[in-house]
Amino acid sequence: MLLDTPSRPPRKPSLTPMIDVVFLLLVFFMLASRFGVDSALPLPLAAGGGDYSGPPRLIDVAPEQIYLNGRPVPQAALGAELSPLIETKADVLILRGKDGATLQRIVTLTEMLKSEGYTSVVLVE
């Protein structure tokens, strides 16, 4: 003898547990993420065109090397290489980032130039 059980209408799944999980994930990622800290470049970068005198002082910042007027220069010797090209520490230095150079590398170089007393840096594309 077969007993036939009465058929029940299919239940709709409850979305409440799924919504709870989504909110828990949202709270987790908000607490686990680190929001950026605003910071400024350490030098007052020269704005606009000014008077430029003397020999060229173009510093190309590549991912692994620094070039002064097209010649590779070690970062530690950059100040010594710049000395014959400038009259005062307020002369304009032009920084240009090469392909692949990170902004952090440019900021680090700018901080190094500031610590050596240079006060006027222009950042170009």
N, C-alpha and C. Protein backbone atom coordinates (compact mmCIF):
# COMPACT_ATOMS: atom_id res chain seq x y z
N MET A 1 0.82 -1.14 0.00
CA MET A 1 0.00 0.00 0.00
C MET A 1 0.89 1.24 0.00
N LEU A 2 0.59 2.11 -0.90
CA LEU A 2 1.36 3.34 -1.05
C LEU A 2 0.61 4.48 -0.41
N LEU A 3 1.34 5.16 0.39
CA LEU A 3 0.75 6.34 1.03
C LEU A 3 1.20 7.58 0.25
N ASP A 4 0.27 8.29 -0.16
CA ASP A 4 0.56 9.51 -0.89
C ASP A 4 0.52 10.68 0.08
N THR A 5 1.67 11.36 0.21
CA THR A 5 1.71 12.51 1.10
C THR A 5 1.16 13.72 0.38
N PRO A 6 0.45 14.53 1.08
CA PRO A 6 -0.09 15.70 0.41
C PRO A 6 1.03 16.63 -0.04
N SER A 7 0.94 17.12 -1.23
CA SER A 7 1.99 18.00 -1.75
C SER A 7 1.83 19.40 -1.18
N ARG A 8 2.94 19.94 -0.79
CA ARG A 8 2.94 21.28 -0.26
C ARG A 8 3.40 22.24 -1.34
N PRO A 9 2.93 23.43 -1.29
CA PRO A 9 3.43 24.40 -2.28
C PRO A 9 4.91 24.68 -2.02
N PRO A 10 5.70 24.87 -3.06
CA PRO A 10 7.14 25.11 -2.85
C PRO A 10 7.38 26.41 -2.08
N ARG A 11 8.34 26.33 -1.15
CA ARG A 11 8.66 27.51 -0.33
C ARG A 11 9.59 28.43 -1.10
N LYS A 12 9.39 29.70 -0.94
CA LYS A 12 10.32 30.67 -1.52
C LYS A 12 11.47 30.83 -0.54
N PRO A 13 12.70 30.83 -1.07
CA PRO A 13 13.84 30.98 -0.14
C PRO A 13 13.84 32.37 0.50
N SER A 14 14.24 32.40 1.73
CA SER A 14 14.31 33.67 2.46
C SER A 14 15.61 34.38 2.09
N LEU A 15 15.53 35.64 1.81
CA LEU A 15 16.71 36.42 1.44
C LEU A 15 17.39 37.06 2.65
N THR A 16 16.80 36.94 3.80
CA THR A 16 17.34 37.58 4.99
C THR A 16 18.76 37.10 5.32
N PRO A 17 19.06 35.79 5.32
CA PRO A 17 20.44 35.38 5.62
C PRO A 17 21.44 35.91 4.60
N MET A 18 21.06 35.96 3.32
CA MET A 18 21.97 36.46 2.31
C MET A 18 22.24 37.96 2.51
N ILE A 19 21.23 38.71 2.87
CA ILE A 19 21.42 40.13 3.13
C ILE A 19 22.30 40.34 4.34
N ASP A 20 22.13 39.51 5.37
CA ASP A 20 22.99 39.60 6.55
C ASP A 20 24.45 39.36 6.18
N VAL A 21 24.70 38.37 5.35
CA VAL A 21 26.07 38.07 4.93
C VAL A 21 26.65 39.23 4.14
N VAL A 22 25.88 39.82 3.26
CA VAL A 22 26.38 40.95 2.46
C VAL A 22 26.74 42.12 3.37
N PHE A 23 25.91 42.42 4.36
CA PHE A 23 26.22 43.50 5.28
C PHE A 23 27.44 43.19 6.13
N LEU A 24 27.60 41.95 6.54
CA LEU A 24 28.79 41.58 7.30
C LEU A 24 30.05 41.75 6.45
N LEU A 25 29.98 41.35 5.19
CA LEU A 25 31.12 41.53 4.30
C LEU A 25 31.42 43.01 4.08
N LEU A 26 30.39 43.80 3.94
CA LEU A 26 30.56 45.24 3.76
C LEU A 26 31.26 45.85 4.97
N VAL A 27 30.81 45.50 6.16
CA VAL A 27 31.42 46.02 7.39
C VAL A 27 32.86 45.54 7.49
N PHE A 28 33.12 44.27 7.17
CA PHE A 28 34.48 43.74 7.23
C PHE A 28 35.41 44.51 6.31
N PHE A 29 35.02 44.72 5.05
CA PHE A 29 35.91 45.40 4.11
C PHE A 29 36.07 46.88 4.44
N MET A 30 35.05 47.49 5.02
CA MET A 30 35.21 48.89 5.43
C MET A 30 36.20 49.01 6.59
N LEU A 31 36.16 48.06 7.51
CA LEU A 31 37.08 48.11 8.64
C LEU A 31 38.49 47.65 8.27
N ALA A 32 38.59 46.75 7.31
CA ALA A 32 39.89 46.20 6.94
C ALA A 32 40.63 47.09 5.95
N SER A 33 39.92 47.95 5.24
CA SER A 33 40.59 48.78 4.24
C SER A 33 41.30 49.94 4.90
N ARG A 34 42.31 50.42 4.22
CA ARG A 34 43.07 51.56 4.70
C ARG A 34 42.81 52.72 3.77
N PHE A 35 42.27 53.77 4.28
CA PHE A 35 41.97 54.92 3.46
C PHE A 35 43.23 55.76 3.29
N GLY A 36 43.36 56.37 2.12
CA GLY A 36 44.57 57.13 1.81
C GLY A 36 44.76 58.33 2.72
N VAL A 37 46.01 58.65 2.91
CA VAL A 37 46.37 59.80 3.71
C VAL A 37 46.81 60.91 2.75
N ASP A 38 46.21 62.08 2.89
CA ASP A 38 46.60 63.18 2.02
C ASP A 38 47.98 63.66 2.40
N SER A 39 48.79 63.90 1.38
CA SER A 39 50.10 64.47 1.63
C SER A 39 50.47 65.34 0.44
N ALA A 40 51.39 66.20 0.65
CA ALA A 40 51.80 67.13 -0.40
C ALA A 40 53.26 66.87 -0.74
N LEU A 41 53.64 67.31 -1.92
CA LEU A 41 55.04 67.21 -2.29
C LEU A 41 55.85 68.12 -1.38
N PRO A 42 57.06 67.72 -1.02
CA PRO A 42 57.80 68.46 -0.02
C PRO A 42 58.33 69.82 -0.46
N LEU A 43 58.43 70.08 -1.74
CA LEU A 43 58.94 71.37 -2.21
C LEU A 43 57.81 72.21 -2.78
N PRO A 44 57.90 73.50 -2.64
CA PRO A 44 56.95 74.31 -3.39
C PRO A 44 57.37 74.28 -4.86
N LEU A 45 56.66 73.53 -5.66
CA LEU A 45 57.02 73.41 -7.06
C LEU A 45 56.80 74.75 -7.75
N ALA A 46 57.73 75.11 -8.61
CA ALA A 46 57.62 76.37 -9.34
C ALA A 46 56.41 76.32 -10.25
N ALA A 47 55.62 77.37 -10.24
CA ALA A 47 54.40 77.40 -11.04
C ALA A 47 54.59 78.32 -12.23
N GLY A 48 54.12 77.87 -13.37
CA GLY A 48 54.16 78.71 -14.56
C GLY A 48 55.58 78.88 -15.07
N GLY A 49 55.69 79.65 -16.10
CA GLY A 49 56.99 79.89 -16.71
C GLY A 49 57.69 81.02 -15.98
N GLY A 50 58.92 80.84 -15.72
CA GLY A 50 59.72 81.87 -15.09
C GLY A 50 60.96 82.11 -15.92
N ASP A 51 61.83 82.93 -15.41
CA ASP A 51 63.09 83.16 -16.10
C ASP A 51 64.00 81.96 -15.88
N TYR A 52 64.59 81.53 -16.96
CA TYR A 52 65.50 80.38 -16.88
C TYR A 52 66.82 80.84 -17.45
N SER A 53 67.86 80.68 -16.67
CA SER A 53 69.18 81.07 -17.15
C SER A 53 70.17 79.96 -16.83
N GLY A 54 71.23 79.95 -17.57
CA GLY A 54 72.27 78.96 -17.33
C GLY A 54 72.09 77.72 -18.17
N PRO A 55 72.94 76.74 -17.94
CA PRO A 55 72.87 75.50 -18.72
C PRO A 55 71.62 74.70 -18.35
N PRO A 56 71.25 73.76 -19.22
CA PRO A 56 70.07 72.95 -18.91
C PRO A 56 70.30 72.08 -17.67
N ARG A 57 69.21 71.91 -16.92
CA ARG A 57 69.25 71.07 -15.71
C ARG A 57 68.03 70.17 -15.74
N LEU A 58 68.01 69.24 -16.68
CA LEU A 58 66.89 68.32 -16.85
C LEU A 58 67.24 67.00 -16.17
N ILE A 59 66.41 66.62 -15.20
CA ILE A 59 66.62 65.37 -14.46
C ILE A 59 65.52 64.41 -14.88
N ASP A 60 65.88 63.35 -15.59
CA ASP A 60 64.93 62.31 -15.99
C ASP A 60 64.94 61.22 -14.93
N VAL A 61 63.75 60.87 -14.43
CA VAL A 61 63.63 59.85 -13.39
C VAL A 61 63.07 58.59 -14.05
N ALA A 62 63.91 57.59 -14.18
CA ALA A 62 63.51 56.29 -14.74
C ALA A 62 63.30 55.33 -13.58
N PRO A 63 62.71 54.15 -13.85
CA PRO A 63 62.46 53.22 -12.74
C PRO A 63 63.72 52.79 -11.99
N GLU A 64 64.82 52.65 -12.68
CA GLU A 64 66.03 52.14 -12.03
C GLU A 64 67.19 53.13 -12.05
N GLN A 65 67.09 54.22 -12.79
CA GLN A 65 68.23 55.11 -13.00
C GLN A 65 67.75 56.56 -13.02
N ILE A 66 68.68 57.46 -12.76
CA ILE A 66 68.43 58.90 -12.87
C ILE A 66 69.38 59.43 -13.94
N TYR A 67 68.83 60.27 -14.81
CA TYR A 67 69.63 60.85 -15.89
C TYR A 67 69.65 62.36 -15.71
N LEU A 68 70.84 62.95 -15.77
CA LEU A 68 71.00 64.39 -15.73
C LEU A 68 71.44 64.84 -17.10
N ASN A 69 70.57 65.57 -17.79
CA ASN A 69 70.82 66.02 -19.17
C ASN A 69 71.19 64.85 -20.08
N GLY A 70 70.54 63.72 -19.89
CA GLY A 70 70.74 62.56 -20.76
C GLY A 70 71.83 61.60 -20.33
N ARG A 71 72.60 61.96 -19.31
CA ARG A 71 73.67 61.07 -18.83
C ARG A 71 73.24 60.38 -17.56
N PRO A 72 73.46 59.06 -17.44
CA PRO A 72 73.10 58.37 -16.20
C PRO A 72 73.96 58.86 -15.03
N VAL A 73 73.30 59.09 -13.91
CA VAL A 73 73.97 59.60 -12.71
C VAL A 73 73.46 58.81 -11.52
N PRO A 74 74.35 58.34 -10.63
CA PRO A 74 73.86 57.71 -9.40
C PRO A 74 73.12 58.74 -8.54
N GLN A 75 72.08 58.30 -7.85
CA GLN A 75 71.26 59.21 -7.06
C GLN A 75 72.08 59.91 -5.99
N ALA A 76 73.03 59.20 -5.40
CA ALA A 76 73.84 59.80 -4.34
C ALA A 76 74.76 60.91 -4.88
N ALA A 77 75.12 60.84 -6.16
CA ALA A 77 76.04 61.82 -6.74
C ALA A 77 75.32 62.93 -7.48
N LEU A 78 74.00 62.97 -7.41
CA LEU A 78 73.24 63.97 -8.17
C LEU A 78 73.58 65.39 -7.73
N GLY A 79 73.68 65.63 -6.45
CA GLY A 79 74.02 66.97 -5.95
C GLY A 79 75.37 67.44 -6.46
N ALA A 80 76.35 66.55 -6.47
CA ALA A 80 77.69 66.92 -6.95
C ALA A 80 77.68 67.19 -8.45
N GLU A 81 76.87 66.44 -9.19
CA GLU A 81 76.77 66.65 -10.64
C GLU A 81 76.03 67.93 -10.98
N LEU A 82 75.11 68.36 -10.10
CA LEU A 82 74.36 69.59 -10.34
C LEU A 82 75.17 70.84 -10.02
N SER A 83 76.15 70.75 -9.16
CA SER A 83 76.91 71.92 -8.71
C SER A 83 77.48 72.77 -9.84
N PRO A 84 78.12 72.20 -10.86
CA PRO A 84 78.66 73.07 -11.92
C PRO A 84 77.57 73.68 -12.81
N LEU A 85 76.34 73.18 -12.74
CA LEU A 85 75.28 73.64 -13.62
C LEU A 85 74.44 74.76 -13.02
N ILE A 86 74.62 75.06 -11.74
CA ILE A 86 73.78 76.05 -11.08
C ILE A 86 74.62 77.18 -10.50
N GLU A 87 73.98 78.34 -10.37
CA GLU A 87 74.64 79.48 -9.72
C GLU A 87 74.26 79.53 -8.25
N THR A 88 72.96 79.36 -7.97
CA THR A 88 72.49 79.32 -6.58
C THR A 88 71.57 78.12 -6.42
N LYS A 89 71.27 77.76 -5.19
CA LYS A 89 70.38 76.63 -4.92
C LYS A 89 68.93 76.95 -5.29
N ALA A 90 68.64 78.22 -5.62
CA ALA A 90 67.29 78.61 -6.02
C ALA A 90 67.07 78.49 -7.53
N ASP A 91 68.10 78.09 -8.28
CA ASP A 91 67.94 77.90 -9.73
C ASP A 91 66.94 76.78 -10.00
N VAL A 92 66.28 76.88 -11.13
CA VAL A 92 65.21 75.94 -11.47
C VAL A 92 65.80 74.60 -11.90
N LEU A 93 65.27 73.53 -11.30
CA LEU A 93 65.59 72.16 -11.72
C LEU A 93 64.32 71.58 -12.35
N ILE A 94 64.49 70.89 -13.47
CA ILE A 94 63.33 70.33 -14.16
C ILE A 94 63.36 68.82 -14.00
N LEU A 95 62.30 68.28 -13.39
CA LEU A 95 62.15 66.83 -13.21
C LEU A 95 61.18 66.31 -14.25
N ARG A 96 61.52 65.20 -14.87
CA ARG A 96 60.62 64.56 -15.83
C ARG A 96 60.62 63.07 -15.57
N GLY A 97 59.45 62.52 -15.38
CA GLY A 97 59.31 61.09 -15.14
C GLY A 97 59.33 60.32 -16.46
N LYS A 98 60.11 59.27 -16.52
CA LYS A 98 60.15 58.40 -17.69
C LYS A 98 59.08 57.32 -17.55
N ASP A 99 58.84 56.59 -18.63
CA ASP A 99 57.87 55.49 -18.60
C ASP A 99 58.28 54.47 -17.55
N GLY A 100 57.33 54.13 -16.69
CA GLY A 100 57.56 53.11 -15.67
C GLY A 100 58.02 53.66 -14.34
N ALA A 101 58.39 54.94 -14.28
CA ALA A 101 58.82 55.52 -13.01
C ALA A 101 57.59 55.77 -12.13
N THR A 102 57.70 55.42 -10.86
CA THR A 102 56.58 55.60 -9.95
C THR A 102 56.61 57.01 -9.36
N LEU A 103 55.45 57.45 -8.94
CA LEU A 103 55.36 58.77 -8.30
C LEU A 103 56.16 58.78 -7.00
N GLN A 104 56.20 57.67 -6.30
CA GLN A 104 56.96 57.61 -5.05
C GLN A 104 58.44 57.86 -5.31
N ARG A 105 58.95 57.35 -6.42
CA ARG A 105 60.36 57.58 -6.75
C ARG A 105 60.62 59.06 -7.01
N ILE A 106 59.69 59.74 -7.67
CA ILE A 106 59.84 61.17 -7.94
C ILE A 106 59.77 61.96 -6.63
N VAL A 107 58.84 61.58 -5.75
CA VAL A 107 58.72 62.27 -4.45
C VAL A 107 59.97 62.05 -3.62
N THR A 108 60.52 60.85 -3.64
CA THR A 108 61.74 60.57 -2.89
C THR A 108 62.90 61.42 -3.39
N LEU A 109 63.01 61.53 -4.72
CA LEU A 109 64.07 62.36 -5.30
C LEU A 109 63.85 63.83 -4.94
N THR A 110 62.61 64.28 -4.95
CA THR A 110 62.30 65.66 -4.59
C THR A 110 62.68 65.93 -3.13
N GLU A 111 62.38 64.99 -2.24
CA GLU A 111 62.77 65.14 -0.84
C GLU A 111 64.29 65.19 -0.68
N MET A 112 65.01 64.38 -1.47
CA MET A 112 66.45 64.39 -1.41
C MET A 112 67.00 65.75 -1.87
N LEU A 113 66.41 66.30 -2.95
CA LEU A 113 66.85 67.61 -3.43
C LEU A 113 66.56 68.69 -2.39
N LYS A 114 65.43 68.59 -1.71
CA LYS A 114 65.10 69.57 -0.67
C LYS A 114 66.09 69.49 0.48
N SER A 115 66.46 68.27 0.86
CA SER A 115 67.41 68.12 1.97
C SER A 115 68.79 68.66 1.60
N GLU A 116 69.11 68.75 0.30
CA GLU A 116 70.38 69.31 -0.12
C GLU A 116 70.30 70.82 -0.32
N GLY A 117 69.09 71.41 -0.14
CA GLY A 117 68.97 72.86 -0.18
C GLY A 117 68.36 73.43 -1.44
N TYR A 118 67.99 72.62 -2.42
CA TYR A 118 67.39 73.14 -3.64
C TYR A 118 65.95 73.53 -3.35
N THR A 119 65.54 74.69 -3.87
CA THR A 119 64.22 75.21 -3.51
C THR A 119 63.28 75.38 -4.69
N SER A 120 63.73 75.19 -5.91
CA SER A 120 62.85 75.44 -7.06
C SER A 120 62.91 74.24 -8.00
N VAL A 121 61.82 73.47 -8.03
CA VAL A 121 61.74 72.29 -8.87
C VAL A 121 60.47 72.38 -9.71
N VAL A 122 60.62 72.08 -10.99
CA VAL A 122 59.47 72.04 -11.90
C VAL A 122 59.29 70.61 -12.34
N LEU A 123 58.06 70.10 -12.22
CA LEU A 123 57.75 68.74 -12.63
C LEU A 123 57.01 68.81 -13.96
N VAL A 124 57.56 68.19 -15.00
CA VAL A 124 56.95 68.22 -16.33
C VAL A 124 56.61 66.80 -16.77
N GLU A 125 55.74 66.72 -17.77
CA GLU A 125 55.38 65.41 -18.30
C GLU A 125 56.41 64.96 -19.30
